[in-house]
Amino acid sequence: MNKRNADLQARQTVRLLLLLALCLALSACTGGKRPGGLGINDGQLAPCPDSPNCVSSRAADGDQQIAPLALQAPTELAWEKVKTTIAALPRTQIISQTSDYLHAEFRSAVFGFVDDLELHLLPAERIIEVRSASRRGTYDFGVNRKRLEELREKLRADETIR
């Protein structure tokens, strides 16, 4: 291969990579539409889809199952602390909240992919049911579980939960 052909091939490769990066960035910017079915339906959070990019304290599947948050502090104080802790996390936006429900969106640092976190306070049981799911893709590489476990550790550290 002569130098001219090598230069041409290198330019084409760079253009292709730039085009691919642009397409990926543009698709990530949309974050995906907010999924339907979020919220409390029939007294509980929606089940996880069949894909492995979701964790829920109500899931029966071991790969999707995660423990609920067990309250240690008084219920109202704990609920307020949970909400303020989530609101302080980077790239997080609280979308809706009521006296027993919270929906927050998390954006990934690099491509801006959106994950939906839902919490359902059950005062009589002194727990908060949790559900976190990615909007795009099939795999989340454990991001939703890791985020919830990090939240759990922060809340344990200040004795909000057990």
N, C-alpha and C. Protein backbone atom coordinates (compact mmCIF):
# COMPACT_ATOMS: atom_id res chain seq x y z
N MET A 1 0.86 -1.17 0.00
CA MET A 1 0.00 0.00 0.00
C MET A 1 0.90 1.23 0.00
N ASN A 2 0.61 2.15 -0.89
CA ASN A 2 1.44 3.35 -0.94
C ASN A 2 0.95 4.37 0.10
N LYS A 3 1.75 5.42 0.27
CA LYS A 3 1.46 6.43 1.30
C LYS A 3 0.12 7.11 1.07
N ARG A 4 -0.21 7.37 -0.19
CA ARG A 4 -1.48 8.05 -0.50
C ARG A 4 -2.67 7.19 -0.07
N ASN A 5 -2.63 5.91 -0.36
CA ASN A 5 -3.72 5.01 0.03
C ASN A 5 -3.81 4.87 1.56
N ALA A 6 -2.67 4.84 2.22
CA ALA A 6 -2.65 4.74 3.67
C ALA A 6 -3.26 5.98 4.30
N ASP A 7 -2.93 7.17 3.77
CA ASP A 7 -3.51 8.41 4.27
C ASP A 7 -5.02 8.45 4.06
N LEU A 8 -5.46 8.02 2.89
CA LEU A 8 -6.88 7.99 2.57
C LEU A 8 -7.62 7.05 3.52
N GLN A 9 -7.05 5.89 3.75
CA GLN A 9 -7.68 4.92 4.65
C GLN A 9 -7.73 5.46 6.08
N ALA A 10 -6.68 6.12 6.52
CA ALA A 10 -6.65 6.69 7.86
C ALA A 10 -7.72 7.77 8.02
N ARG A 11 -7.88 8.63 7.01
CA ARG A 11 -8.91 9.68 7.06
C ARG A 11 -10.31 9.07 7.09
N GLN A 12 -10.52 8.03 6.31
CA GLN A 12 -11.83 7.38 6.30
C GLN A 12 -12.14 6.74 7.65
N THR A 13 -11.14 6.16 8.26
CA THR A 13 -11.33 5.55 9.57
C THR A 13 -11.66 6.61 10.61
N VAL A 14 -10.95 7.72 10.58
CA VAL A 14 -11.22 8.82 11.52
C VAL A 14 -12.64 9.35 11.31
N ARG A 15 -13.05 9.55 10.06
CA ARG A 15 -14.41 10.04 9.77
C ARG A 15 -15.46 9.07 10.30
N LEU A 16 -15.23 7.79 10.08
CA LEU A 16 -16.18 6.78 10.55
C LEU A 16 -16.29 6.80 12.07
N LEU A 17 -15.16 6.90 12.74
CA LEU A 17 -15.17 6.95 14.20
C LEU A 17 -15.86 8.21 14.72
N LEU A 18 -15.62 9.34 14.07
CA LEU A 18 -16.28 10.59 14.46
C LEU A 18 -17.79 10.50 14.25
N LEU A 19 -18.20 9.92 13.13
CA LEU A 19 -19.62 9.74 12.85
C LEU A 19 -20.26 8.82 13.88
N LEU A 20 -19.59 7.75 14.21
CA LEU A 20 -20.10 6.83 15.22
C LEU A 20 -20.22 7.53 16.58
N ALA A 21 -19.21 8.28 16.96
CA ALA A 21 -19.24 9.01 18.23
C ALA A 21 -20.37 10.04 18.25
N LEU A 22 -20.57 10.73 17.14
CA LEU A 22 -21.65 11.71 17.04
C LEU A 22 -23.01 11.04 17.18
N CYS A 23 -23.21 9.93 16.49
CA CYS A 23 -24.49 9.21 16.58
C CYS A 23 -24.74 8.74 18.01
N LEU A 24 -23.72 8.21 18.66
CA LEU A 24 -23.87 7.74 20.03
C LEU A 24 -24.19 8.91 20.96
N ALA A 25 -23.50 10.02 20.78
CA ALA A 25 -23.74 11.19 21.63
C ALA A 25 -25.15 11.74 21.43
N LEU A 26 -25.60 11.79 20.19
CA LEU A 26 -26.94 12.30 19.92
C LEU A 26 -28.01 11.39 20.49
N SER A 27 -27.82 10.10 20.39
CA SER A 27 -28.82 9.19 20.95
C SER A 27 -28.84 9.27 22.47
N ALA A 28 -27.70 9.49 23.06
CA ALA A 28 -27.63 9.59 24.52
C ALA A 28 -28.24 10.88 25.03
N CYS A 29 -28.16 11.94 24.25
CA CYS A 29 -28.68 13.23 24.68
C CYS A 29 -30.19 13.17 24.92
N THR A 30 -30.87 12.34 24.19
CA THR A 30 -32.31 12.25 24.37
C THR A 30 -32.64 11.59 25.70
N GLY A 31 -31.78 10.70 26.18
CA GLY A 31 -32.01 10.03 27.45
C GLY A 31 -33.13 9.02 27.39
N GLY A 32 -33.85 8.97 26.30
CA GLY A 32 -34.99 8.07 26.19
C GLY A 32 -36.21 8.69 26.82
N LYS A 33 -37.36 8.27 26.37
CA LYS A 33 -38.60 8.78 26.94
C LYS A 33 -38.82 8.20 28.32
N ARG A 34 -39.45 8.99 29.16
CA ARG A 34 -39.79 8.51 30.50
C ARG A 34 -40.74 7.33 30.34
N PRO A 35 -40.43 6.21 30.94
CA PRO A 35 -41.27 5.02 30.74
C PRO A 35 -42.64 5.19 31.38
N GLY A 36 -43.62 4.55 30.78
CA GLY A 36 -44.95 4.51 31.38
C GLY A 36 -44.95 3.51 32.52
N GLY A 37 -45.94 3.59 33.35
CA GLY A 37 -46.06 2.62 34.44
C GLY A 37 -45.26 2.94 35.68
N LEU A 38 -44.58 4.10 35.69
CA LEU A 38 -43.87 4.47 36.90
C LEU A 38 -44.88 4.93 37.94
N GLY A 39 -44.48 4.87 39.19
CA GLY A 39 -45.36 5.27 40.27
C GLY A 39 -45.85 4.07 41.04
N ILE A 40 -46.78 4.33 41.93
CA ILE A 40 -47.35 3.27 42.75
C ILE A 40 -48.64 2.81 42.10
N ASN A 41 -48.67 1.54 41.72
CA ASN A 41 -49.85 0.94 41.11
C ASN A 41 -50.27 -0.25 41.95
N ASP A 42 -51.52 -0.27 42.36
CA ASP A 42 -52.03 -1.34 43.24
C ASP A 42 -51.18 -1.47 44.49
N GLY A 43 -50.74 -0.34 45.03
CA GLY A 43 -50.00 -0.33 46.28
C GLY A 43 -48.55 -0.72 46.20
N GLN A 44 -48.00 -0.83 44.98
CA GLN A 44 -46.59 -1.21 44.87
C GLN A 44 -45.95 -0.63 43.62
N LEU A 45 -44.62 -0.65 43.60
CA LEU A 45 -43.87 -0.22 42.43
C LEU A 45 -44.00 -1.25 41.32
N ALA A 46 -43.80 -0.81 40.09
CA ALA A 46 -43.89 -1.70 38.93
C ALA A 46 -42.81 -2.78 39.02
N PRO A 47 -43.09 -3.96 38.50
CA PRO A 47 -42.05 -4.99 38.46
C PRO A 47 -40.96 -4.63 37.45
N CYS A 48 -39.81 -5.23 37.60
CA CYS A 48 -38.73 -5.04 36.63
C CYS A 48 -39.10 -5.74 35.32
N PRO A 49 -38.62 -5.19 34.19
CA PRO A 49 -38.79 -5.92 32.93
C PRO A 49 -37.89 -7.16 32.93
N ASP A 50 -37.95 -7.93 31.87
CA ASP A 50 -37.14 -9.16 31.79
C ASP A 50 -35.66 -8.89 31.57
N SER A 51 -35.28 -7.66 31.27
CA SER A 51 -33.88 -7.34 31.01
C SER A 51 -33.11 -7.19 32.32
N PRO A 52 -31.79 -7.43 32.30
CA PRO A 52 -30.99 -7.39 33.53
C PRO A 52 -30.54 -5.99 33.95
N ASN A 53 -31.18 -4.93 33.42
CA ASN A 53 -30.75 -3.57 33.76
C ASN A 53 -31.68 -2.92 34.78
N CYS A 54 -32.23 -3.72 35.67
CA CYS A 54 -33.18 -3.24 36.67
C CYS A 54 -32.99 -4.03 37.96
N VAL A 55 -33.12 -3.34 39.09
CA VAL A 55 -33.15 -4.00 40.39
C VAL A 55 -34.37 -3.48 41.16
N SER A 56 -34.94 -4.36 41.97
CA SER A 56 -36.13 -3.99 42.73
C SER A 56 -36.19 -4.81 44.01
N SER A 57 -36.68 -4.18 45.06
CA SER A 57 -36.84 -4.91 46.32
C SER A 57 -38.05 -5.84 46.27
N ARG A 58 -38.86 -5.75 45.23
CA ARG A 58 -40.00 -6.64 45.07
C ARG A 58 -39.74 -7.75 44.06
N ALA A 59 -38.58 -7.76 43.46
CA ALA A 59 -38.27 -8.76 42.43
C ALA A 59 -38.08 -10.14 43.06
N ALA A 60 -38.57 -11.15 42.37
CA ALA A 60 -38.38 -12.53 42.81
C ALA A 60 -37.08 -13.10 42.25
N ASP A 61 -36.68 -12.60 41.08
CA ASP A 61 -35.45 -13.05 40.40
C ASP A 61 -34.25 -12.61 41.22
N GLY A 62 -33.36 -13.53 41.55
CA GLY A 62 -32.19 -13.22 42.36
C GLY A 62 -31.28 -12.16 41.78
N ASP A 63 -31.14 -12.13 40.45
CA ASP A 63 -30.27 -11.13 39.82
C ASP A 63 -30.86 -9.73 39.90
N GLN A 64 -32.17 -9.63 39.99
CA GLN A 64 -32.83 -8.32 40.04
C GLN A 64 -33.22 -7.93 41.46
N GLN A 65 -33.15 -8.85 42.39
CA GLN A 65 -33.60 -8.60 43.76
C GLN A 65 -32.56 -7.79 44.53
N ILE A 66 -33.04 -6.82 45.29
CA ILE A 66 -32.21 -6.02 46.18
C ILE A 66 -33.04 -5.74 47.43
N ALA A 67 -32.41 -5.67 48.57
CA ALA A 67 -33.13 -5.47 49.82
C ALA A 67 -33.74 -4.07 49.89
N PRO A 68 -34.92 -3.95 50.52
CA PRO A 68 -35.49 -2.62 50.74
C PRO A 68 -34.64 -1.88 51.77
N LEU A 69 -34.89 -0.60 51.93
CA LEU A 69 -34.21 0.19 52.95
C LEU A 69 -35.02 0.07 54.25
N ALA A 70 -34.41 -0.47 55.29
CA ALA A 70 -35.07 -0.66 56.58
C ALA A 70 -34.79 0.55 57.47
N LEU A 71 -35.84 1.24 57.87
CA LEU A 71 -35.70 2.49 58.61
C LEU A 71 -35.19 2.27 60.03
N GLN A 72 -34.31 3.15 60.45
CA GLN A 72 -33.84 3.17 61.83
C GLN A 72 -34.34 4.45 62.51
N ALA A 73 -34.20 5.58 61.83
CA ALA A 73 -34.67 6.86 62.36
C ALA A 73 -36.20 6.90 62.31
N PRO A 74 -36.82 7.83 63.04
CA PRO A 74 -38.27 7.99 62.94
C PRO A 74 -38.69 8.18 61.47
N THR A 75 -39.83 7.63 61.11
CA THR A 75 -40.25 7.53 59.71
C THR A 75 -40.17 8.85 58.96
N GLU A 76 -40.81 9.91 59.47
CA GLU A 76 -40.82 11.18 58.75
C GLU A 76 -39.42 11.76 58.59
N LEU A 77 -38.63 11.68 59.64
CA LEU A 77 -37.26 12.18 59.59
C LEU A 77 -36.44 11.37 58.58
N ALA A 78 -36.59 10.06 58.61
CA ALA A 78 -35.86 9.19 57.69
C ALA A 78 -36.24 9.49 56.24
N TRP A 79 -37.53 9.64 55.96
CA TRP A 79 -38.00 9.91 54.60
C TRP A 79 -37.42 11.23 54.09
N GLU A 80 -37.41 12.26 54.93
CA GLU A 80 -36.83 13.55 54.52
C GLU A 80 -35.34 13.41 54.26
N LYS A 81 -34.65 12.67 55.11
CA LYS A 81 -33.20 12.47 54.94
C LYS A 81 -32.91 11.71 53.65
N VAL A 82 -33.70 10.70 53.34
CA VAL A 82 -33.52 9.94 52.10
C VAL A 82 -33.68 10.87 50.91
N LYS A 83 -34.72 11.70 50.92
CA LYS A 83 -34.97 12.61 49.79
C LYS A 83 -33.84 13.62 49.62
N THR A 84 -33.36 14.20 50.71
CA THR A 84 -32.29 15.19 50.59
C THR A 84 -30.97 14.54 50.17
N THR A 85 -30.73 13.32 50.62
CA THR A 85 -29.52 12.60 50.22
C THR A 85 -29.54 12.32 48.73
N ILE A 86 -30.66 11.88 48.21
CA ILE A 86 -30.78 11.61 46.77
C ILE A 86 -30.63 12.90 45.98
N ALA A 87 -31.28 13.96 46.41
CA ALA A 87 -31.22 15.24 45.69
C ALA A 87 -29.79 15.77 45.61
N ALA A 88 -28.95 15.42 46.58
CA ALA A 88 -27.57 15.92 46.60
C ALA A 88 -26.62 15.09 45.73
N LEU A 89 -27.07 13.96 45.22
CA LEU A 89 -26.20 13.12 44.39
C LEU A 89 -25.94 13.79 43.04
N PRO A 90 -24.76 13.59 42.47
CA PRO A 90 -24.44 14.24 41.19
C PRO A 90 -25.33 13.75 40.05
N ARG A 91 -25.63 14.67 39.14
CA ARG A 91 -26.40 14.39 37.91
C ARG A 91 -27.76 13.77 38.22
N THR A 92 -28.38 14.26 39.30
CA THR A 92 -29.65 13.73 39.76
C THR A 92 -30.72 14.81 39.72
N GLN A 93 -31.91 14.42 39.29
CA GLN A 93 -33.04 15.34 39.29
C GLN A 93 -34.24 14.62 39.90
N ILE A 94 -34.84 15.24 40.92
CA ILE A 94 -36.07 14.71 41.49
C ILE A 94 -37.20 15.09 40.53
N ILE A 95 -37.91 14.10 40.03
CA ILE A 95 -38.99 14.33 39.07
C ILE A 95 -40.32 14.52 39.78
N SER A 96 -40.62 13.67 40.73
CA SER A 96 -41.87 13.81 41.50
C SER A 96 -41.68 13.20 42.87
N GLN A 97 -42.46 13.74 43.82
CA GLN A 97 -42.42 13.19 45.17
C GLN A 97 -43.74 13.48 45.86
N THR A 98 -44.13 12.53 46.69
CA THR A 98 -45.32 12.68 47.52
C THR A 98 -44.93 12.27 48.93
N SER A 99 -45.92 12.11 49.78
CA SER A 99 -45.63 11.72 51.16
C SER A 99 -45.12 10.29 51.28
N ASP A 100 -45.28 9.48 50.21
CA ASP A 100 -44.80 8.10 50.28
C ASP A 100 -44.13 7.60 49.00
N TYR A 101 -43.81 8.51 48.08
CA TYR A 101 -43.23 8.10 46.79
C TYR A 101 -42.23 9.15 46.32
N LEU A 102 -41.16 8.66 45.68
CA LEU A 102 -40.18 9.55 45.06
C LEU A 102 -39.71 8.94 43.74
N HIS A 103 -39.64 9.77 42.70
CA HIS A 103 -39.07 9.36 41.42
C HIS A 103 -37.94 10.33 41.10
N ALA A 104 -36.75 9.79 40.87
CA ALA A 104 -35.59 10.59 40.50
C ALA A 104 -34.96 10.03 39.24
N GLU A 105 -34.34 10.92 38.46
CA GLU A 105 -33.60 10.52 37.27
C GLU A 105 -32.12 10.76 37.51
N PHE A 106 -31.31 9.80 37.11
CA PHE A 106 -29.86 9.90 37.19
C PHE A 106 -29.31 9.87 35.78
N ARG A 107 -28.38 10.77 35.46
CA ARG A 107 -27.72 10.78 34.15
C ARG A 107 -26.29 10.30 34.31
N SER A 108 -25.86 9.43 33.39
CA SER A 108 -24.47 8.96 33.45
C SER A 108 -23.53 10.10 33.09
N ALA A 109 -22.32 10.04 33.60
CA ALA A 109 -21.36 11.13 33.43
C ALA A 109 -20.91 11.30 31.99
N VAL A 110 -20.68 10.23 31.27
CA VAL A 110 -20.08 10.33 29.94
C VAL A 110 -21.11 10.57 28.85
N PHE A 111 -22.09 9.68 28.73
CA PHE A 111 -23.03 9.77 27.61
C PHE A 111 -24.40 10.29 27.99
N GLY A 112 -24.65 10.54 29.26
CA GLY A 112 -25.93 11.09 29.67
C GLY A 112 -27.08 10.12 29.64
N PHE A 113 -26.80 8.81 29.72
CA PHE A 113 -27.87 7.82 29.77
C PHE A 113 -28.68 8.02 31.05
N VAL A 114 -29.98 7.82 30.97
CA VAL A 114 -30.86 8.08 32.11
C VAL A 114 -31.32 6.78 32.75
N ASP A 115 -31.24 6.76 34.08
CA ASP A 115 -31.80 5.67 34.89
C ASP A 115 -32.90 6.28 35.76
N ASP A 116 -33.94 5.51 36.00
CA ASP A 116 -35.05 5.94 36.84
C ASP A 116 -34.98 5.23 38.18
N LEU A 117 -34.99 6.01 39.26
CA LEU A 117 -35.03 5.47 40.61
C LEU A 117 -36.40 5.78 41.19
N GLU A 118 -37.02 4.77 41.79
CA GLU A 118 -38.30 4.97 42.47
C GLU A 118 -38.20 4.42 43.88
N LEU A 119 -38.79 5.15 44.81
CA LEU A 119 -38.85 4.73 46.20
C LEU A 119 -40.29 4.78 46.67
N HIS A 120 -40.69 3.79 47.45
CA HIS A 120 -42.05 3.74 48.00
C HIS A 120 -41.94 3.51 49.50
N LEU A 121 -42.31 4.52 50.27
CA LEU A 121 -42.27 4.45 51.73
C LEU A 121 -43.47 3.64 52.23
N LEU A 122 -43.19 2.64 53.06
CA LEU A 122 -44.23 1.83 53.71
C LEU A 122 -44.08 2.04 55.22
N PRO A 123 -44.73 3.08 55.77
CA PRO A 123 -44.52 3.42 57.18
C PRO A 123 -44.87 2.30 58.16
N ALA A 124 -45.93 1.56 57.91
CA ALA A 124 -46.33 0.50 58.84
C ALA A 124 -45.27 -0.60 58.92
N GLU A 125 -44.58 -0.84 57.82
CA GLU A 125 -43.52 -1.86 57.79
C GLU A 125 -42.15 -1.29 58.11
N ARG A 126 -42.05 0.04 58.17
CA ARG A 126 -40.80 0.77 58.42
C ARG A 126 -39.72 0.41 57.41
N ILE A 127 -40.15 0.34 56.15
CA ILE A 127 -39.21 0.10 55.05
C ILE A 127 -39.52 1.04 53.90
N ILE A 128 -38.54 1.16 53.02
CA ILE A 128 -38.72 1.86 51.75
C ILE A 128 -38.41 0.85 50.66
N GLU A 129 -39.42 0.54 49.86
CA GLU A 129 -39.22 -0.32 48.69
C GLU A 129 -38.45 0.49 47.65
N VAL A 130 -37.57 -0.17 46.90
CA VAL A 130 -36.74 0.51 45.91
C VAL A 130 -36.84 -0.17 44.55
N ARG A 131 -36.69 0.63 43.50
CA ARG A 131 -36.64 0.11 42.13
C ARG A 131 -35.78 1.08 41.33
N SER A 132 -34.81 0.56 40.61
CA SER A 132 -33.95 1.38 39.77
C SER A 132 -33.73 0.66 38.45
N ALA A 133 -33.99 1.38 37.34
CA ALA A 133 -33.92 0.75 36.02
C ALA A 133 -33.33 1.70 34.99
N SER A 134 -32.56 1.15 34.08
CA SER A 134 -32.01 1.91 32.96
C SER A 134 -33.08 2.05 31.88
N ARG A 135 -33.09 3.19 31.21
CA ARG A 135 -34.04 3.40 30.12
C ARG A 135 -33.57 2.79 28.82
N ARG A 136 -32.28 2.78 28.59
CA ARG A 136 -31.73 2.31 27.32
C ARG A 136 -30.86 1.09 27.54
N GLY A 137 -30.78 0.30 26.49
CA GLY A 137 -29.89 -0.85 26.52
C GLY A 137 -30.47 -2.02 27.30
N THR A 138 -29.75 -3.10 27.26
CA THR A 138 -30.17 -4.31 27.96
C THR A 138 -29.38 -4.48 29.24
N TYR A 139 -28.11 -4.18 29.19
CA TYR A 139 -27.23 -4.37 30.35
C TYR A 139 -26.87 -3.02 30.94
N ASP A 140 -26.78 -2.97 32.26
CA ASP A 140 -26.34 -1.74 32.93
C ASP A 140 -25.01 -1.94 33.65
N PHE A 141 -24.43 -3.14 33.52
CA PHE A 141 -23.14 -3.47 34.13
C PHE A 141 -23.14 -3.21 35.64
N GLY A 142 -24.31 -3.42 36.25
CA GLY A 142 -24.43 -3.30 37.70
C GLY A 142 -24.58 -1.89 38.23
N VAL A 143 -24.77 -0.91 37.36
CA VAL A 143 -24.82 0.49 37.79
C VAL A 143 -26.00 0.75 38.73
N ASN A 144 -27.18 0.24 38.42
CA ASN A 144 -28.34 0.50 39.27
C ASN A 144 -28.17 -0.11 40.65
N ARG A 145 -27.68 -1.33 40.72
CA ARG A 145 -27.43 -1.97 42.02
C ARG A 145 -26.37 -1.20 42.80
N LYS A 146 -25.30 -0.84 42.13
CA LYS A 146 -24.20 -0.12 42.80
C LYS A 146 -24.70 1.21 43.37
N ARG A 147 -25.51 1.93 42.59
CA ARG A 147 -26.03 3.22 43.05
C ARG A 147 -26.87 3.04 44.31
N LEU A 148 -27.74 2.03 44.32
CA LEU A 148 -28.58 1.80 45.49
C LEU A 148 -27.76 1.35 46.70
N GLU A 149 -26.74 0.54 46.48
CA GLU A 149 -25.90 0.12 47.61
C GLU A 149 -25.09 1.29 48.16
N GLU A 150 -24.64 2.19 47.30
CA GLU A 150 -23.94 3.39 47.78
C GLU A 150 -24.89 4.29 48.57
N LEU A 151 -26.12 4.42 48.10
CA LEU A 151 -27.13 5.19 48.83
C LEU A 151 -27.38 4.53 50.19
N ARG A 152 -27.50 3.21 50.21
CA ARG A 152 -27.71 2.48 51.45
C ARG A 152 -26.58 2.77 52.45
N GLU A 153 -25.34 2.75 51.98
CA GLU A 153 -24.20 3.00 52.87
C GLU A 153 -24.22 4.42 53.43
N LYS A 154 -24.56 5.40 52.60
CA LYS A 154 -24.66 6.79 53.09
C LYS A 154 -25.73 6.91 54.17
N LEU A 155 -26.86 6.28 53.95
CA LEU A 155 -27.96 6.37 54.90
C LEU A 155 -27.68 5.57 56.17
N ARG A 156 -26.92 4.50 56.07
CA ARG A 156 -26.51 3.74 57.26
C ARG A 156 -25.52 4.56 58.08
N ALA A 157 -24.63 5.25 57.40
CA ALA A 157 -23.58 6.01 58.08
C ALA A 157 -24.17 7.08 59.00
N ASP A 158 -25.30 7.66 58.60
CA ASP A 158 -25.91 8.67 59.48
C ASP A 158 -27.11 8.12 60.26
N GLU A 159 -27.20 6.79 60.32
CA GLU A 159 -28.20 6.08 61.12
C GLU A 159 -29.64 6.37 60.71
N THR A 160 -29.83 6.67 59.42
CA THR A 160 -31.19 6.84 58.89
C THR A 160 -31.84 5.48 58.70
N ILE A 161 -31.03 4.51 58.23
CA ILE A 161 -31.53 3.15 58.02
C ILE A 161 -30.62 2.18 58.76
N ARG A 162 -31.11 0.94 58.87
CA ARG A 162 -30.31 -0.13 59.50
C ARG A 162 -29.44 -0.80 58.47
